[in-house]
Amino acid sequence: MMKEADGFETKPNMNWRLPPGLKVKLARVKLLLCDVDGVLTDASVFIGGAGEIKRFNILDGLGLVILRRSGIKVGWVSSRPSDATAARALELKIDYVLQQKESKVGVIERLLLETHCSWEEVCYVGDDVVDIGPLKRAGCGIAVSNAVSEAKAVADHVTSAAGGYGAVREIVELILRAQGKWDNIIAEYSA
């Protein structure tokens, strides 16, 4: 374990040898959907003064940019509308930003109709009880390491990293490795 400046422990990169069933699920992914608070952030929200502040991880951000450039669409699904989330999504050019106070399953099903994707082609990342429905339906459901036990129980995989501390980047790498695209990305950035 390594300690970051704020004292939060992070785990070193996981072993990239994936169980065959997980590799098959990740190879089918055409759409990555993430919860926001607790997945893309450490679940902290700072409110006061001019508005709301959230802490996003820069590694996750670059990972999502790389994933999009690799032909995989990215969406954020939150039951808690937030200007901070919208601003970060705009900066990263996230394909779909769904911030609605309603069932995440219903919101995602409407998106799937619009995009002509199926649940089988979705990798959904969550951390809390509101994510259980999408985690169970997605072709690949992933819970972050700091997720509640009920979310972990229905997930196909649990990350080594916590939400807001590189968990989404870890997932991006898993998807791109499973699809045989990771080595090309490394070669591109090594040139």
Protein backbone atom coordinates (compact mmCIF):
# COMPACT_ATOMS: atom_id res chain seq x y z
CA MET A 1 0.00 0.00 0.00
CA MET A 2 1.11 3.53 -0.77
CA LYS A 3 -0.02 6.64 1.09
CA GLU A 4 -1.03 9.73 -0.83
CA ALA A 5 -0.46 13.22 0.53
CA ASP A 6 -3.88 13.29 2.20
CA GLY A 7 -3.18 10.02 4.01
CA PHE A 8 -5.57 7.90 1.90
CA GLU A 9 -4.11 4.50 1.15
CA THR A 10 -4.02 3.41 -2.45
CA LYS A 11 -3.32 -0.06 -3.74
CA PRO A 12 -0.71 -0.69 -6.43
CA ASN A 13 -1.92 -1.58 -9.92
CA MET A 14 -3.73 -4.88 -9.97
CA ASN A 15 -2.52 -7.96 -11.80
CA TRP A 16 -3.78 -7.55 -15.37
CA ARG A 17 -4.46 -11.24 -15.84
CA LEU A 18 -8.23 -11.21 -15.93
CA PRO A 19 -10.51 -14.14 -15.29
CA PRO A 20 -11.68 -15.37 -18.72
CA GLY A 21 -15.36 -14.58 -18.01
CA LEU A 22 -14.56 -10.98 -17.05
CA LYS A 23 -12.33 -10.52 -20.09
CA VAL A 24 -15.19 -11.66 -22.36
CA LYS A 25 -17.60 -9.20 -20.71
CA LEU A 26 -15.12 -6.31 -21.00
CA ALA A 27 -14.38 -7.14 -24.64
CA ARG A 28 -18.06 -6.50 -25.50
CA VAL A 29 -18.19 -3.03 -23.92
CA LYS A 30 -19.29 -0.21 -26.25
CA LEU A 31 -20.59 2.14 -23.54
CA LEU A 32 -19.07 2.89 -20.12
CA LEU A 33 -21.58 4.38 -17.69
CA CYS A 34 -20.40 5.69 -14.32
CA ASP A 35 -22.12 6.93 -11.24
CA VAL A 36 -20.50 10.22 -10.20
CA ASP A 37 -20.41 10.80 -6.42
CA GLY A 38 -18.33 8.03 -4.84
CA VAL A 39 -17.06 6.70 -8.20
CA LEU A 40 -15.59 9.68 -10.06
CA THR A 41 -15.21 11.55 -6.76
CA ASP A 42 -14.32 10.44 -3.26
CA ALA A 43 -17.98 11.08 -2.32
CA SER A 44 -17.16 14.42 -0.71
CA VAL A 45 -19.20 17.48 -1.61
CA PHE A 46 -18.17 20.91 -0.34
CA ILE A 47 -21.04 23.39 -0.21
CA GLY A 48 -20.81 27.04 0.73
CA GLY A 49 -19.78 30.40 -0.63
CA ALA A 50 -20.24 30.51 -4.40
CA GLY A 51 -21.57 26.97 -4.74
CA GLU A 52 -20.58 23.35 -4.74
CA ILE A 53 -17.07 21.94 -5.13
CA LYS A 54 -16.15 18.34 -5.95
CA ARG A 55 -12.76 16.69 -6.23
CA PHE A 56 -12.23 14.68 -9.45
CA ASN A 57 -9.17 12.52 -10.13
CA ILE A 58 -7.03 13.61 -13.09
CA LEU A 59 -6.02 10.01 -13.90
CA ASP A 60 -9.69 9.10 -14.28
CA GLY A 61 -10.16 12.11 -16.57
CA LEU A 62 -7.34 11.20 -18.93
CA GLY A 63 -8.50 7.60 -18.90
CA LEU A 64 -11.97 8.65 -20.04
CA VAL A 65 -10.48 10.81 -22.81
CA ILE A 66 -8.39 7.85 -23.98
CA LEU A 67 -11.41 5.54 -23.83
CA ARG A 68 -13.49 7.91 -25.97
CA ARG A 69 -10.64 8.25 -28.48
CA SER A 70 -10.60 4.44 -28.65
CA GLY A 71 -14.21 4.41 -29.86
CA ILE A 72 -16.04 3.66 -26.62
CA LYS A 73 -18.79 6.07 -25.58
CA VAL A 74 -18.84 7.38 -22.01
CA GLY A 75 -21.79 8.47 -19.89
CA TRP A 76 -22.26 9.70 -16.35
CA VAL A 77 -25.45 8.79 -14.50
CA SER A 78 -26.25 10.65 -11.29
CA SER A 79 -29.39 10.97 -9.22
CA ARG A 80 -27.96 14.19 -7.79
CA PRO A 81 -27.85 17.09 -10.29
CA SER A 82 -24.75 19.24 -9.85
CA ASP A 83 -23.18 22.14 -11.72
CA ALA A 84 -19.71 20.85 -10.72
CA THR A 85 -20.46 17.51 -12.40
CA ALA A 86 -21.76 19.23 -15.53
CA ALA A 87 -18.65 21.44 -15.73
CA ARG A 88 -16.23 18.50 -15.43
CA ALA A 89 -18.22 16.48 -17.97
CA LEU A 90 -18.12 19.38 -20.42
CA GLU A 91 -14.36 19.75 -19.95
CA LEU A 92 -13.83 16.03 -20.70
CA LYS A 93 -16.40 16.02 -23.52
CA ILE A 94 -18.36 13.18 -21.90
CA ASP A 95 -20.85 11.80 -24.44
CA TYR A 96 -23.87 11.52 -22.14
CA VAL A 97 -24.50 13.34 -18.86
CA LEU A 98 -27.67 12.13 -17.17
CA GLN A 99 -28.42 13.96 -13.93
CA GLN A 100 -31.98 13.16 -12.93
CA LYS A 101 -33.69 12.40 -9.65
CA GLU A 102 -35.32 9.18 -10.81
CA SER A 103 -34.57 5.50 -11.27
CA LYS A 104 -31.16 5.01 -12.84
CA VAL A 105 -32.45 1.91 -14.63
CA GLY A 106 -35.18 3.93 -16.36
CA VAL A 107 -32.77 6.70 -17.32
CA ILE A 108 -30.28 4.19 -18.74
CA GLU A 109 -32.96 2.27 -20.64
CA ARG A 110 -33.98 5.48 -22.42
CA LEU A 111 -30.33 6.11 -23.28
CA LEU A 112 -29.95 2.57 -24.63
CA LEU A 113 -32.95 3.10 -26.91
CA GLU A 114 -31.44 6.36 -28.15
CA THR A 115 -27.97 4.86 -28.73
CA HIS A 116 -29.15 1.47 -30.04
CA CYS A 117 -26.98 -0.26 -27.42
CA SER A 118 -28.02 -3.20 -25.29
CA TRP A 119 -27.38 -3.79 -21.60
CA GLU A 120 -24.88 -6.50 -22.72
CA GLU A 121 -22.69 -3.78 -24.27
CA VAL A 122 -22.67 -1.64 -21.11
CA CYS A 123 -20.08 -1.55 -18.38
CA TYR A 124 -21.69 0.17 -15.39
CA VAL A 125 -19.64 1.42 -12.43
CA GLY A 126 -21.30 2.12 -9.10
CA ASP A 127 -20.78 2.34 -5.37
CA ASP A 128 -24.11 2.54 -3.53
CA VAL A 129 -27.56 0.98 -3.26
CA VAL A 130 -28.95 3.25 -6.00
CA ASP A 131 -26.53 1.50 -8.37
CA ILE A 132 -27.65 -2.07 -7.69
CA GLY A 133 -30.21 -2.17 -10.53
CA PRO A 134 -27.77 -1.03 -13.23
CA LEU A 135 -24.97 -3.20 -11.81
CA LYS A 136 -27.20 -6.28 -12.09
CA ARG A 137 -28.39 -5.50 -15.64
CA ALA A 138 -25.13 -4.38 -17.25
CA GLY A 139 -23.11 -6.78 -19.34
CA CYS A 140 -20.30 -5.94 -16.94
CA GLY A 141 -21.08 -4.44 -13.54
CA ILE A 142 -18.15 -3.06 -11.57
CA ALA A 143 -18.12 -1.73 -8.01
CA VAL A 144 -15.35 0.49 -6.69
CA SER A 145 -13.42 -0.79 -3.67
CA ASN A 146 -15.15 1.64 -1.29
CA ALA A 147 -18.64 0.59 -2.46
CA VAL A 148 -21.27 -0.65 -0.04
CA SER A 149 -21.34 -4.43 0.41
CA GLU A 150 -24.67 -4.79 -1.41
CA ALA A 151 -23.21 -3.19 -4.57
CA LYS A 152 -20.08 -5.35 -4.36
CA ALA A 153 -22.22 -8.47 -3.98
CA VAL A 154 -23.94 -7.99 -7.37
CA ALA A 155 -20.89 -6.71 -9.28
CA ASP A 156 -18.88 -8.82 -11.71
CA HIS A 157 -15.69 -7.16 -10.45
CA VAL A 158 -14.51 -4.89 -7.64
CA THR A 159 -11.68 -2.44 -8.33
CA SER A 160 -8.49 -2.25 -6.31
CA ALA A 161 -8.69 1.56 -6.21
CA ALA A 162 -11.35 3.56 -4.41
CA GLY A 163 -13.77 5.95 -6.08
CA GLY A 164 -12.10 9.31 -6.69
CA TYR A 165 -8.67 7.68 -6.38
CA GLY A 166 -8.19 6.13 -9.81
CA ALA A 167 -10.87 3.42 -9.85
CA VAL A 168 -12.29 4.61 -13.17
CA ARG A 169 -8.81 4.73 -14.71
CA GLU A 170 -8.31 1.14 -13.55
CA ILE A 171 -11.54 0.17 -15.32
CA VAL A 172 -10.58 2.01 -18.50
CA GLU A 173 -7.33 0.06 -18.61
CA LEU A 174 -9.17 -3.22 -18.02
CA ILE A 175 -11.55 -2.52 -20.91
CA LEU A 176 -8.81 -1.45 -23.30
CA ARG A 177 -6.62 -4.43 -22.40
CA ALA A 178 -9.53 -6.83 -22.85
CA GLN A 179 -10.21 -5.29 -26.27
CA GLY A 180 -6.54 -5.44 -27.31
CA LYS A 181 -6.20 -1.64 -27.55
CA TRP A 182 -3.97 -0.80 -24.58
CA ASP A 183 -0.58 -1.55 -26.19
CA ASN A 184 -1.38 0.81 -29.10
CA ILE A 185 -2.20 3.59 -26.66
CA ILE A 186 1.08 3.10 -24.81
CA ALA A 187 2.95 3.07 -28.13
CA GLU A 188 1.21 6.29 -29.18
CA TYR A 189 2.15 8.11 -25.99
CA SER A 190 5.69 6.67 -26.09
CA ALA A 191 6.48 8.16 -29.52
